[in-house]
Amino acid sequence: MRKAFYLGLGGFSVTREKTEQLIDELINKKNLNPTEASGLVKELVEKGEQEREAIIGFIRKEIGQLRSELGLVTHSEISQIEDRLRVIEERIQILEHKVGENNH
């Protein structure tokens, strides 16, 4: 019955309001007791969360691959480059100051 239940509902994520409606429907139309209905809905919600996490993981992986293929940099990589640039600029200023002192 659970497999049919999941197939019938398509494994979608359920909001609190929809969950309450579903529990009422299961109790009234499918002749389940409240505990059984709540258990099925809880399983559905958990399955929806698992699917949501899987989708998020897939999307992150795809975005990472696209970023790599397109040669895009991350915010972290930009920060590292800015830090390195700052150090190089400081070294240039020190060298310019030393050259200026040696010319006078």
PDB file of N, CA and C in Angstrom:
ATOM      1  N   MET A   1       0.820  -1.199   0.000  1.00  0.00           N
ATOM      2  CA  MET A   1       0.000   0.000   0.000  1.00  0.00           C
ATOM      3  C   MET A   1       0.863   1.262   0.000  1.00  0.00           C
ATOM      4  N   ARG A   2       1.982   1.202   0.728  1.00  0.00           N
ATOM      5  CA  ARG A   2       2.849   2.384   0.787  1.00  0.00           C
ATOM      6  C   ARG A   2       3.408   2.728  -0.582  1.00  0.00           C
ATOM      7  N   LYS A   3       3.806   1.701  -1.331  1.00  0.00           N
ATOM      8  CA  LYS A   3       4.340   1.969  -2.674  1.00  0.00           C
ATOM      9  C   LYS A   3       3.284   2.634  -3.546  1.00  0.00           C
ATOM     10  N   ALA A   4       2.083   2.123  -3.474  1.00  0.00           N
ATOM     11  CA  ALA A   4       0.990   2.723  -4.252  1.00  0.00           C
ATOM     12  C   ALA A   4       0.729   4.146  -3.792  1.00  0.00           C
ATOM     13  N   PHE A   5       0.809   4.344  -2.498  1.00  0.00           N
ATOM     14  CA  PHE A   5       0.605   5.680  -1.927  1.00  0.00           C
ATOM     15  C   PHE A   5       1.646   6.648  -2.476  1.00  0.00           C
ATOM     16  N   TYR A   6       2.929   6.249  -2.444  1.00  0.00           N
ATOM     17  CA  TYR A   6       3.992   7.109  -2.955  1.00  0.00           C
ATOM     18  C   TYR A   6       3.849   7.341  -4.452  1.00  0.00           C
ATOM     19  N   LEU A   7       3.519   6.285  -5.178  1.00  0.00           N
ATOM     20  CA  LEU A   7       3.337   6.445  -6.622  1.00  0.00           C
ATOM     21  C   LEU A   7       2.178   7.379  -6.931  1.00  0.00           C
ATOM     22  N   GLY A   8       1.106   7.229  -6.189  1.00  0.00           N
ATOM     23  CA  GLY A   8      -0.070   8.068  -6.414  1.00  0.00           C
ATOM     24  C   GLY A   8       0.194   9.526  -6.126  1.00  0.00           C
ATOM     25  N   LEU A   9       1.049   9.788  -5.179  1.00  0.00           N
ATOM     26  CA  LEU A   9       1.324  11.178  -4.814  1.00  0.00           C
ATOM     27  C   LEU A   9       2.548  11.744  -5.530  1.00  0.00           C
ATOM     28  N   GLY A  10       3.288  10.895  -6.192  1.00  0.00           N
ATOM     29  CA  GLY A  10       4.409  11.376  -6.997  1.00  0.00           C
ATOM     30  C   GLY A  10       5.617  11.819  -6.200  1.00  0.00           C
ATOM     31  N   GLY A  11       5.682  11.546  -4.910  1.00  0.00           N
ATOM     32  CA  GLY A  11       6.866  11.881  -4.120  1.00  0.00           C
ATOM     33  C   GLY A  11       7.140  13.359  -3.992  1.00  0.00           C
ATOM     34  N   PHE A  12       6.096  14.178  -3.925  1.00  0.00           N
ATOM     35  CA  PHE A  12       6.318  15.624  -3.829  1.00  0.00           C
ATOM     36  C   PHE A  12       6.481  16.042  -2.374  1.00  0.00           C
ATOM     37  N   SER A  13       7.076  17.189  -2.168  1.00  0.00           N
ATOM     38  CA  SER A  13       7.249  17.738  -0.828  1.00  0.00           C
ATOM     39  C   SER A  13       5.948  18.378  -0.375  1.00  0.00           C
ATOM     40  N   VAL A  14       5.629  18.192   0.887  1.00  0.00           N
ATOM     41  CA  VAL A  14       4.322  18.612   1.380  1.00  0.00           C
ATOM     42  C   VAL A  14       4.473  19.702   2.439  1.00  0.00           C
ATOM     43  N   THR A  15       3.658  20.746   2.312  1.00  0.00           N
ATOM     44  CA  THR A  15       3.634  21.797   3.318  1.00  0.00           C
ATOM     45  C   THR A  15       2.758  21.361   4.480  1.00  0.00           C
ATOM     46  N   ARG A  16       2.828  22.096   5.581  1.00  0.00           N
ATOM     47  CA  ARG A  16       2.034  21.754   6.757  1.00  0.00           C
ATOM     48  C   ARG A  16       0.537  21.715   6.426  1.00  0.00           C
ATOM     49  N   GLU A  17       0.069  22.708   5.711  1.00  0.00           N
ATOM     50  CA  GLU A  17      -1.354  22.774   5.364  1.00  0.00           C
ATOM     51  C   GLU A  17      -1.758  21.576   4.504  1.00  0.00           C
ATOM     52  N   LYS A  18      -0.942  21.280   3.518  1.00  0.00           N
ATOM     53  CA  LYS A  18      -1.224  20.132   2.654  1.00  0.00           C
ATOM     54  C   LYS A  18      -1.161  18.833   3.457  1.00  0.00           C
ATOM     55  N   THR A  19      -0.239  18.778   4.408  1.00  0.00           N
ATOM     56  CA  THR A  19      -0.119  17.587   5.243  1.00  0.00           C
ATOM     57  C   THR A  19      -1.388  17.362   6.037  1.00  0.00           C
ATOM     58  N   GLU A  20      -1.899  18.418   6.634  1.00  0.00           N
ATOM     59  CA  GLU A  20      -3.134  18.298   7.413  1.00  0.00           C
ATOM     60  C   GLU A  20      -4.296  17.869   6.520  1.00  0.00           C
ATOM     61  N   GLN A  21      -4.379  18.431   5.333  1.00  0.00           N
ATOM     62  CA  GLN A  21      -5.436  18.044   4.393  1.00  0.00           C
ATOM     63  C   GLN A  21      -5.303  16.574   4.003  1.00  0.00           C
ATOM     64  N   LEU A  22      -4.069  16.157   3.779  1.00  0.00           N
ATOM     65  CA  LEU A  22      -3.823  14.781   3.383  1.00  0.00           C
ATOM     66  C   LEU A  22      -4.205  13.812   4.499  1.00  0.00           C
ATOM     67  N   ILE A  23      -3.870  14.153   5.732  1.00  0.00           N
ATOM     68  CA  ILE A  23      -4.244  13.306   6.868  1.00  0.00           C
ATOM     69  C   ILE A  23      -5.756  13.169   6.938  1.00  0.00           C
ATOM     70  N   ASP A  24      -6.456  14.289   6.828  1.00  0.00           N
ATOM     71  CA  ASP A  24      -7.927  14.246   6.859  1.00  0.00           C
ATOM     72  C   ASP A  24      -8.474  13.370   5.738  1.00  0.00           C
ATOM     73  N   GLU A  25      -7.903  13.511   4.554  1.00  0.00           N
ATOM     74  CA  GLU A  25      -8.360  12.736   3.409  1.00  0.00           C
ATOM     75  C   GLU A  25      -8.123  11.243   3.619  1.00  0.00           C
ATOM     76  N   LEU A  26      -6.939  10.915   4.136  1.00  0.00           N
ATOM     77  CA  LEU A  26      -6.626   9.505   4.370  1.00  0.00           C
ATOM     78  C   LEU A  26      -7.553   8.895   5.411  1.00  0.00           C
ATOM     79  N   ILE A  27      -7.868   9.667   6.425  1.00  0.00           N
ATOM     80  CA  ILE A  27      -8.763   9.174   7.476  1.00  0.00           C
ATOM     81  C   ILE A  27     -10.171   9.003   6.926  1.00  0.00           C
ATOM     82  N   ASN A  28     -10.668  10.008   6.225  1.00  0.00           N
ATOM     83  CA  ASN A  28     -12.057  10.001   5.759  1.00  0.00           C
ATOM     84  C   ASN A  28     -12.298   9.112   4.543  1.00  0.00           C
ATOM     85  N   LYS A  29     -11.416   9.182   3.562  1.00  0.00           N
ATOM     86  CA  LYS A  29     -11.679   8.486   2.302  1.00  0.00           C
ATOM     87  C   LYS A  29     -11.042   7.104   2.224  1.00  0.00           C
ATOM     88  N   LYS A  30      -9.940   6.912   2.912  1.00  0.00           N
ATOM     89  CA  LYS A  30      -9.224   5.635   2.808  1.00  0.00           C
ATOM     90  C   LYS A  30      -9.428   4.765   4.045  1.00  0.00           C
ATOM     91  N   ASN A  31     -10.248   5.240   4.966  1.00  0.00           N
ATOM     92  CA  ASN A  31     -10.570   4.490   6.182  1.00  0.00           C
ATOM     93  C   ASN A  31      -9.343   4.084   6.995  1.00  0.00           C
ATOM     94  N   LEU A  32      -8.358   4.971   7.059  1.00  0.00           N
ATOM     95  CA  LEU A  32      -7.199   4.738   7.911  1.00  0.00           C
ATOM     96  C   LEU A  32      -7.446   5.406   9.250  1.00  0.00           C
ATOM     97  N   ASN A  33      -6.834   4.829  10.284  1.00  0.00           N
ATOM     98  CA  ASN A  33      -6.961   5.514  11.568  1.00  0.00           C
ATOM     99  C   ASN A  33      -5.951   6.658  11.601  1.00  0.00           C
ATOM    100  N   PRO A  34      -6.135   7.616  12.495  1.00  0.00           N
ATOM    101  CA  PRO A  34      -5.250   8.798  12.529  1.00  0.00           C
ATOM    102  C   PRO A  34      -3.769   8.456  12.668  1.00  0.00           C
ATOM    103  N   THR A  35      -3.459   7.418  13.439  1.00  0.00           N
ATOM    104  CA  THR A  35      -2.055   7.045  13.624  1.00  0.00           C
ATOM    105  C   THR A  35      -1.452   6.542  12.315  1.00  0.00           C
ATOM    106  N   GLU A  36      -2.182   5.699  11.602  1.00  0.00           N
ATOM    107  CA  GLU A  36      -1.701   5.197  10.311  1.00  0.00           C
ATOM    108  C   GLU A  36      -1.538   6.334   9.308  1.00  0.00           C
ATOM    109  N   ALA A  37      -2.516   7.200   9.260  1.00  0.00           N
ATOM    110  CA  ALA A  37      -2.470   8.327   8.326  1.00  0.00           C
ATOM    111  C   ALA A  37      -1.286   9.235   8.635  1.00  0.00           C
ATOM    112  N   SER A  38      -1.100   9.541   9.918  1.00  0.00           N
ATOM    113  CA  SER A  38       0.027  10.399  10.311  1.00  0.00           C
ATOM    114  C   SER A  38       1.351   9.737   9.975  1.00  0.00           C
ATOM    115  N   GLY A  39       1.428   8.420  10.188  1.00  0.00           N
ATOM    116  CA  GLY A  39       2.660   7.693   9.867  1.00  0.00           C
ATOM    117  C   GLY A  39       2.985   7.751   8.387  1.00  0.00           C
ATOM    118  N   LEU A  40       1.980   7.548   7.561  1.00  0.00           N
ATOM    119  CA  LEU A  40       2.195   7.620   6.113  1.00  0.00           C
ATOM    120  C   LEU A  40       2.607   9.020   5.673  1.00  0.00           C
ATOM    121  N   VAL A  41       1.956  10.013   6.236  1.00  0.00           N
ATOM    122  CA  VAL A  41       2.288  11.396   5.877  1.00  0.00           C
ATOM    123  C   VAL A  41       3.697  11.734   6.343  1.00  0.00           C
ATOM    124  N   LYS A  42       4.061  11.270   7.538  1.00  0.00           N
ATOM    125  CA  LYS A  42       5.414  11.524   8.048  1.00  0.00           C
ATOM    126  C   LYS A  42       6.450  10.908   7.104  1.00  0.00           C
ATOM    127  N   GLU A  43       6.190   9.689   6.662  1.00  0.00           N
ATOM    128  CA  GLU A  43       7.098   9.048   5.709  1.00  0.00           C
ATOM    129  C   GLU A  43       7.182   9.846   4.411  1.00  0.00           C
ATOM    130  N   LEU A  44       6.050  10.332   3.953  1.00  0.00           N
ATOM    131  CA  LEU A  44       6.016  11.123   2.723  1.00  0.00           C
ATOM    132  C   LEU A  44       6.846  12.394   2.874  1.00  0.00           C
ATOM    133  N   VAL A  45       6.682  13.059   3.994  1.00  0.00           N
ATOM    134  CA  VAL A  45       7.430  14.298   4.240  1.00  0.00           C
ATOM    135  C   VAL A  45       8.925  13.996   4.294  1.00  0.00           C
ATOM    136  N   GLU A  46       9.304  12.911   4.993  1.00  0.00           N
ATOM    137  CA  GLU A  46      10.719  12.540   5.081  1.00  0.00           C
ATOM    138  C   GLU A  46      11.278  12.208   3.701  1.00  0.00           C
ATOM    139  N   LYS A  47      10.507  11.474   2.919  1.00  0.00           N
ATOM    140  CA  LYS A  47      10.942  11.132   1.559  1.00  0.00           C
ATOM    141  C   LYS A  47      11.082  12.402   0.716  1.00  0.00           C
ATOM    142  N   GLY A  48      10.151  13.330   0.874  1.00  0.00           N
ATOM    143  CA  GLY A  48      10.240  14.601   0.158  1.00  0.00           C
ATOM    144  C   GLY A  48      11.494  15.372   0.527  1.00  0.00           C
ATOM    145  N   GLU A  49      11.839  15.365   1.812  1.00  0.00           N
ATOM    146  CA  GLU A  49      13.057  16.049   2.268  1.00  0.00           C
ATOM    147  C   GLU A  49      14.298  15.390   1.676  1.00  0.00           C
ATOM    148  N   GLN A  50      14.309  14.057   1.665  1.00  0.00           N
ATOM    149  CA  GLN A  50      15.446  13.342   1.091  1.00  0.00           C
ATOM    150  C   GLN A  50      15.595  13.675  -0.396  1.00  0.00           C
ATOM    151  N   GLU A  51      14.482  13.696  -1.097  1.00  0.00           N
ATOM    152  CA  GLU A  51      14.521  14.033  -2.524  1.00  0.00           C
ATOM    153  C   GLU A  51      14.975  15.471  -2.732  1.00  0.00           C
ATOM    154  N   ARG A  52      14.524  16.354  -1.869  1.00  0.00           N
ATOM    155  CA  ARG A  52      14.921  17.766  -1.948  1.00  0.00           C
ATOM    156  C   ARG A  52      16.433  17.888  -1.778  1.00  0.00           C
ATOM    157  N   GLU A  53      16.980  17.184  -0.769  1.00  0.00           N
ATOM    158  CA  GLU A  53      18.425  17.224  -0.532  1.00  0.00           C
ATOM    159  C   GLU A  53      19.189  16.639  -1.718  1.00  0.00           C
ATOM    160  N   ALA A  54      18.663  15.571  -2.297  1.00  0.00           N
ATOM    161  CA  ALA A  54      19.311  14.960  -3.460  1.00  0.00           C
ATOM    162  C   ALA A  54      19.316  15.929  -4.637  1.00  0.00           C
ATOM    163  N   ILE A  55      18.218  16.623  -4.838  1.00  0.00           N
ATOM    164  CA  ILE A  55      18.129  17.598  -5.933  1.00  0.00           C
ATOM    165  C   ILE A  55      19.102  18.746  -5.705  1.00  0.00           C
ATOM    166  N   ILE A  56      19.174  19.231  -4.471  1.00  0.00           N
ATOM    167  CA  ILE A  56      20.108  20.318  -4.151  1.00  0.00           C
ATOM    168  C   ILE A  56      21.541  19.866  -4.412  1.00  0.00           C
ATOM    169  N   GLY A  57      21.873  18.639  -3.989  1.00  0.00           N
ATOM    170  CA  GLY A  57      23.212  18.103  -4.235  1.00  0.00           C
ATOM    171  C   GLY A  57      23.520  18.014  -5.719  1.00  0.00           C
ATOM    172  N   PHE A  58      22.557  17.543  -6.486  1.00  0.00           N
ATOM    173  CA  PHE A  58      22.721  17.433  -7.936  1.00  0.00           C
ATOM    174  C   PHE A  58      22.946  18.807  -8.560  1.00  0.00           C
ATOM    175  N   ILE A  59      22.144  19.777  -8.152  1.00  0.00           N
ATOM    176  CA  ILE A  59      22.263  21.136  -8.699  1.00  0.00           C
ATOM    177  C   ILE A  59      23.626  21.726  -8.362  1.00  0.00           C
ATOM    178  N   ARG A  60      24.072  21.544  -7.116  1.00  0.00           N
ATOM    179  CA  ARG A  60      25.399  22.061  -6.727  1.00  0.00           C
ATOM    180  C   ARG A  60      26.500  21.429  -7.564  1.00  0.00           C
ATOM    181  N   LYS A  61      26.385  20.120  -7.775  1.00  0.00           N
ATOM    182  CA  LYS A  61      27.388  19.420  -8.575  1.00  0.00           C
ATOM    183  C   LYS A  61      27.396  19.963 -10.004  1.00  0.00           C
ATOM    184  N   GLU A  62      26.221  20.122 -10.592  1.00  0.00           N
ATOM    185  CA  GLU A  62      26.120  20.630 -11.960  1.00  0.00           C
ATOM    186  C   GLU A  62      26.658  22.053 -12.067  1.00  0.00           C
ATOM    187  N   ILE A  63      26.331  22.889 -11.098  1.00  0.00           N
ATOM    188  CA  ILE A  63      26.825  24.270 -11.110  1.00  0.00           C
ATOM    189  C   ILE A  63      28.344  24.279 -11.005  1.00  0.00           C
ATOM    190  N   GLY A  64      28.885  23.424 -10.151  1.00  0.00           N
ATOM    191  CA  GLY A  64      30.335  23.333 -10.018  1.00  0.00           C
ATOM    192  C   GLY A  64      31.000  22.925 -11.322  1.00  0.00           C
ATOM    193  N   GLN A  65      30.400  21.948 -12.002  1.00  0.00           N
ATOM    194  CA  GLN A  65      30.952  21.511 -13.284  1.00  0.00           C
ATOM    195  C   GLN A  65      30.861  22.619 -14.330  1.00  0.00           C
ATOM    196  N   LEU A  66      29.731  23.309 -14.373  1.00  0.00           N
ATOM    197  CA  LEU A  66      29.579  24.414 -15.325  1.00  0.00           C
ATOM    198  C   LEU A  66      30.572  25.529 -15.029  1.00  0.00           C
ATOM    199  N   ARG A  67      30.730  25.859 -13.749  1.00  0.00           N
ATOM    200  CA  ARG A  67      31.678  26.894 -13.359  1.00  0.00           C
ATOM    201  C   ARG A  67      33.075  26.524 -13.830  1.00  0.00           C
ATOM    202  N   SER A  68      33.416  25.266 -13.651  1.00  0.00           N
ATOM    203  CA  SER A  68      34.731  24.801 -14.068  1.00  0.00           C
ATOM    204  C   SER A  68      34.874  24.839 -15.591  1.00  0.00           C
ATOM    205  N   GLU A  69      33.864  24.351 -16.299  1.00  0.00           N
ATOM    206  CA  GLU A  69      33.903  24.334 -17.769  1.00  0.00           C
ATOM    207  C   GLU A  69      33.981  25.739 -18.357  1.00  0.00           C
ATOM    208  N   LEU A  70      33.293  26.682 -17.733  1.00  0.00           N
ATOM    209  CA  LEU A  70      33.267  28.051 -18.244  1.00  0.00           C
ATOM    210  C   LEU A  70      34.445  28.881 -17.751  1.00  0.00           C
ATOM    211  N   GLY A  71      35.225  28.317 -16.828  1.00  0.00           N
ATOM    212  CA  GLY A  71      36.371  29.039 -16.305  1.00  0.00           C
ATOM    213  C   GLY A  71      35.998  30.150 -15.340  1.00  0.00           C
ATOM    214  N   LEU A  72      34.850  30.037 -14.698  1.00  0.00           N
ATOM    215  CA  LEU A  72      34.412  31.050 -13.737  1.00  0.00           C
ATOM    216  C   LEU A  72      35.108  30.837 -12.400  1.00  0.00           C
ATOM    217  N   VAL A  73      35.330  31.917 -11.688  1.00  0.00           N
ATOM    218  CA  VAL A  73      35.976  31.817 -10.378  1.00  0.00           C
ATOM    219  C   VAL A  73      34.954  32.037  -9.274  1.00  0.00           C
ATOM    220  N   THR A  74      35.279  31.500  -8.101  1.00  0.00           N
ATOM    221  CA  THR A  74      34.392  31.651  -6.952  1.00  0.00           C
ATOM    222  C   THR A  74      34.750  32.912  -6.182  1.00  0.00           C
ATOM    223  N   HIS A  75      33.874  33.299  -5.278  1.00  0.00           N
ATOM    224  CA  HIS A  75      34.132  34.454  -4.414  1.00  0.00           C
ATOM    225  C   HIS A  75      35.400  34.219  -3.599  1.00  0.00           C
ATOM    226  N   SER A  76      35.577  33.006  -3.135  1.00  0.00           N
ATOM    227  CA  SER A  76      36.759  32.662  -2.354  1.00  0.00           C
ATOM    228  C   SER A  76      38.036  32.836  -3.177  1.00  0.00           C
ATOM    229  N   GLU A  77      38.004  32.401  -4.421  1.00  0.00           N
ATOM    230  CA  GLU A  77      39.172  32.545  -5.287  1.00  0.00           C
ATOM    231  C   GLU A  77      39.478  34.016  -5.560  1.00  0.00           C
ATOM    232  N   ILE A  78      38.460  34.827  -5.743  1.00  0.00           N
ATOM    233  CA  ILE A  78      38.653  36.268  -5.948  1.00  0.00           C
ATOM    234  C   ILE A  78      39.283  36.886  -4.708  1.00  0.00           C
ATOM    235  N   SER A  79      38.812  36.489  -3.524  1.00  0.00           N
ATOM    236  CA  SER A  79      39.382  37.009  -2.273  1.00  0.00           C
ATOM    237  C   SER A  79      40.857  36.658  -2.163  1.00  0.00           C
ATOM    238  N   GLN A  80      41.205  35.432  -2.529  1.00  0.00           N
ATOM    239  CA  GLN A  80      42.609  35.019  -2.470  1.00  0.00           C
ATOM    240  C   GLN A  80      43.461  35.853  -3.425  1.00  0.00           C
ATOM    241  N   ILE A  81      42.949  36.092  -4.603  1.00  0.00           N
ATOM    242  CA  ILE A  81      43.675  36.909  -5.584  1.00  0.00           C
ATOM    243  C   ILE A  81      43.826  38.341  -5.073  1.00  0.00           C
ATOM    244  N   GLU A  82      42.775  38.890  -4.471  1.00  0.00           N
ATOM    245  CA  GLU A  82      42.852  40.247  -3.909  1.00  0.00           C
ATOM    246  C   GLU A  82      43.904  40.316  -2.808  1.00  0.00           C
ATOM    247  N   ASP A  83      43.964  39.297  -1.968  1.00  0.00           N
ATOM    248  CA  ASP A  83      44.971  39.269  -0.902  1.00  0.00           C
ATOM    249  C   ASP A  83      46.382  39.235  -1.492  1.00  0.00           C
ATOM    250  N   ARG A  84      46.581  38.406  -2.497  1.00  0.00           N
ATOM    251  CA  ARG A  84      47.894  38.323  -3.136  1.00  0.00           C
ATOM    252  C   ARG A  84      48.257  39.643  -3.809  1.00  0.00           C
ATOM    253  N   LEU A  85      47.290  40.277  -4.454  1.00  0.00           N
ATOM    254  CA  LEU A  85      47.521  41.561  -5.107  1.00  0.00           C
ATOM    255  C   LEU A  85      47.913  42.623  -4.082  1.00  0.00           C
ATOM    256  N   ARG A  86      47.243  42.617  -2.940  1.00  0.00           N
ATOM    257  CA  ARG A  86      47.545  43.572  -1.874  1.00  0.00           C
ATOM    258  C   ARG A  86      49.001  43.417  -1.412  1.00  0.00           C
ATOM    259  N   VAL A  87      49.451  42.174  -1.252  1.00  0.00           N
ATOM    260  CA  VAL A  87      50.834  41.912  -0.835  1.00  0.00           C
ATOM    261  C   VAL A  87      51.806  42.409  -1.903  1.00  0.00           C
ATOM    262  N   ILE A  88      51.509  42.146  -3.158  1.00  0.00           N
ATOM    263  CA  ILE A  88      52.378  42.597  -4.259  1.00  0.00           C
ATOM    264  C   ILE A  88      52.451  44.120  -4.298  1.00  0.00           C
ATOM    265  N   GLU A  89      51.315  44.797  -4.127  1.00  0.00           N
ATOM    266  CA  GLU A  89      51.306  46.267  -4.117  1.00  0.00           C
ATOM    267  C   GLU A  89      52.149  46.809  -2.971  1.00  0.00           C
ATOM    268  N   GLU A  90      52.066  46.173  -1.807  1.00  0.00           N
ATOM    269  CA  GLU A  90      52.873  46.619  -0.666  1.00  0.00           C
ATOM    270  C   GLU A  90      54.357  46.454  -0.967  1.00  0.00           C
ATOM    271  N   ARG A  91      54.731  45.341  -1.583  1.00  0.00           N
ATOM    272  CA  ARG A  91      56.137  45.113  -1.930  1.00  0.00           C
ATOM    273  C   ARG A  91      56.625  46.146  -2.951  1.00  0.00           C
ATOM    274  N   ILE A  92      55.771  46.473  -3.921  1.00  0.00           N
ATOM    275  CA  ILE A  92      56.134  47.480  -4.924  1.00  0.00           C
ATOM    276  C   ILE A  92      56.366  48.830  -4.249  1.00  0.00           C
ATOM    277  N   GLN A  93      55.488  49.207  -3.318  1.00  0.00           N
ATOM    278  CA  GLN A  93      55.658  50.482  -2.609  1.00  0.00           C
ATOM    279  C   GLN A  93      56.967  50.503  -1.838  1.00  0.00           C
ATOM    280  N   ILE A  94      57.299  49.396  -1.194  1.00  0.00           N
ATOM    281  CA  ILE A  94      58.556  49.325  -0.440  1.00  0.00           C
ATOM    282  C   ILE A  94      59.739  49.478  -1.392  1.00  0.00           C
ATOM    283  N   LEU A  95      59.696  48.771  -2.518  1.00  0.00           N
ATOM    284  CA  LEU A  95      60.788  48.863  -3.495  1.00  0.00           C
ATOM    285  C   LEU A  95      60.898  50.268  -4.085  1.00  0.00           C
ATOM    286  N   GLU A  96      59.760  50.898  -4.396  1.00  0.00           N
ATOM    287  CA  GLU A  96      59.783  52.260  -4.930  1.00  0.00           C
ATOM    288  C   GLU A  96      60.372  53.223  -3.909  1.00  0.00           C
ATOM    289  N   HIS A  97      60.033  53.026  -2.657  1.00  0.00           N
ATOM    290  CA  HIS A  97      60.559  53.890  -1.602  1.00  0.00           C
ATOM    291  C   HIS A  97      62.081  53.726  -1.499  1.00  0.00           C
ATOM    292  N   LYS A  98      62.569  52.482  -1.574  1.00  0.00           N
ATOM    293  CA  LYS A  98      64.010  52.223  -1.497  1.00  0.00           C
ATOM    294  C   LYS A  98      64.739  52.821  -2.702  1.00  0.00           C
ATOM    295  N   VAL A  99      64.154  52.684  -3.898  1.00  0.00           N
ATOM    296  CA  VAL A  99      64.763  53.239  -5.112  1.00  0.00           C
ATOM    297  C   VAL A  99      64.809  54.762  -5.001  1.00  0.00           C
ATOM    298  N   GLY A 100      63.751  55.360  -4.482  1.00  0.00           N
ATOM    299  CA  GLY A 100      63.697  56.808  -4.306  1.00  0.00           C
ATOM    300  C   GLY A 100      64.763  57.286  -3.337  1.00  0.00           C
ATOM    301  N   GLU A 101      65.027  56.547  -2.292  1.00  0.00           N
ATOM    302  CA  GLU A 101      66.061  56.922  -1.322  1.00  0.00           C
ATOM    303  C   GLU A 101      67.447  56.805  -1.935  1.00  0.00           C
ATOM    304  N   ASN A 102      67.660  55.800  -2.746  1.00  0.00           N
ATOM    305  CA  ASN A 102      68.967  55.584  -3.371  1.00  0.00           C
ATOM    306  C   ASN A 102      69.272  56.634  -4.440  1.00  0.00           C
ATOM    307  N   ASN A 103      68.249  57.244  -5.045  1.00  0.00           N
ATOM    308  CA  ASN A 103      68.451  58.255  -6.076  1.00  0.00           C
ATOM    309  C   ASN A 103      68.746  59.619  -5.476  1.00  0.00           C
ATOM    310  N   HIS A 104      68.486  59.834  -4.209  1.00  0.00           N
ATOM    311  CA  HIS A 104      68.742  61.147  -3.597  1.00  0.00           C
ATOM    312  C   HIS A 104      70.013  61.170  -2.901  1.00  0.00           C
TER     313      HIS A 104
END
